[in-house]
Amino acid sequence: MSSTMYVQPIASHEEYPERLLLRDGDDQWYLWSGDGQDIEPIPADLAAWVLDRPEMRMLPRPHMWFELSCLPLNPALVSDR
């Protein structure tokens, strides 16, 4: 069995697009802050509230699956290469 976790980005913050609302295959919701830290599990009712915020933008469907290590980071945290 694979220990790799995949999530679907569902919505992003208008000003900070690396901040995401995520869902996994078991319908657990998460917040991703874009700082390289762990995703934060949240209850479904909080996810619904976050989705209803005016600064959140739904991402287009179909929602693609991404490995956690592929989630975007805040550009200020990414070193110049």
Protein backbone atom coordinates (compact mmCIF):
# COMPACT_ATOMS: atom_id res chain seq x y z
CA MET A 1 0.00 0.00 0.00
CA SER A 2 1.30 3.45 -0.94
CA SER A 3 1.89 6.07 1.74
CA THR A 4 1.74 8.89 -0.80
CA MET A 5 -1.16 11.25 -0.19
CA TYR A 6 -3.05 12.89 -3.04
CA VAL A 7 -5.41 15.83 -2.71
CA GLN A 8 -7.64 17.90 -4.97
CA PRO A 9 -7.32 21.69 -4.80
CA ILE A 10 -10.91 22.95 -4.77
CA ALA A 11 -10.48 26.70 -4.23
CA SER A 12 -7.71 29.26 -3.85
CA HIS A 13 -7.39 32.61 -2.14
CA GLU A 14 -7.80 35.59 -4.47
CA GLU A 15 -4.71 37.51 -3.23
CA TYR A 16 -2.57 34.51 -2.25
CA PRO A 17 -3.21 31.80 -4.87
CA GLU A 18 -0.84 29.37 -3.15
CA ARG A 19 -3.32 29.20 -0.22
CA LEU A 20 -5.68 26.37 -1.06
CA LEU A 21 -8.73 24.54 0.17
CA LEU A 22 -8.11 20.84 -0.49
CA ARG A 23 -10.08 17.60 -0.37
CA ASP A 24 -8.77 14.02 -0.26
CA GLY A 25 -10.26 10.77 -1.54
CA ASP A 26 -12.11 10.20 1.75
CA ASP A 27 -13.80 13.64 1.54
CA GLN A 28 -11.66 15.03 4.35
CA TRP A 29 -11.02 18.77 3.91
CA TYR A 30 -7.70 20.56 4.45
CA LEU A 31 -6.18 24.01 4.34
CA TRP A 32 -2.81 24.57 2.67
CA SER A 33 -1.07 27.81 3.59
CA GLY A 34 1.64 27.62 0.93
CA ASP A 35 4.47 27.81 3.45
CA GLY A 36 5.69 24.22 3.11
CA GLN A 37 4.21 23.14 6.44
CA ASP A 38 1.75 20.26 6.79
CA ILE A 39 -1.79 20.58 5.51
CA GLU A 40 -4.33 21.33 8.23
CA PRO A 41 -7.40 19.07 8.45
CA ILE A 42 -10.66 20.95 8.95
CA PRO A 43 -14.29 19.83 9.40
CA ALA A 44 -16.67 19.93 6.42
CA ASP A 45 -18.73 22.78 7.91
CA LEU A 46 -15.61 24.96 8.17
CA ALA A 47 -14.69 24.05 4.57
CA ALA A 48 -18.17 25.19 3.48
CA TRP A 49 -17.67 28.47 5.33
CA VAL A 50 -14.25 28.98 3.70
CA LEU A 51 -15.74 28.28 0.26
CA ASP A 52 -18.40 30.93 0.91
CA ARG A 53 -15.84 33.65 1.65
CA PRO A 54 -15.70 36.38 -1.04
CA GLU A 55 -11.90 36.17 -1.28
CA MET A 56 -11.98 32.48 -2.24
CA ARG A 57 -12.15 31.42 -5.89
CA MET A 58 -13.34 28.00 -7.01
CA LEU A 59 -10.84 26.27 -9.26
CA PRO A 60 -12.09 24.98 -12.61
CA ARG A 61 -13.29 21.42 -12.97
CA PRO A 62 -12.22 18.73 -13.30
CA HIS A 63 -10.32 19.02 -10.03
CA MET A 64 -6.96 17.37 -10.63
CA TRP A 65 -5.20 15.18 -8.05
CA PHE A 66 -1.80 16.30 -6.73
CA GLU A 67 0.76 14.75 -4.44
CA LEU A 68 1.38 16.93 -1.38
CA SER A 69 4.95 17.66 -2.45
CA CYS A 70 3.60 19.24 -5.67
CA LEU A 71 1.44 21.89 -4.00
CA PRO A 72 2.45 25.50 -4.71
CA LEU A 73 4.58 27.51 -2.31
CA ASN A 74 4.52 31.20 -1.51
CA PRO A 75 6.90 32.80 -4.07
CA ALA A 76 8.67 34.67 -1.25
CA LEU A 77 9.70 31.33 0.25
CA VAL A 78 11.08 29.85 -2.97
CA SER A 79 14.78 30.54 -3.39
CA ASP A 80 16.10 31.84 -6.70
CA ARG A 81 17.43 28.99 -8.79
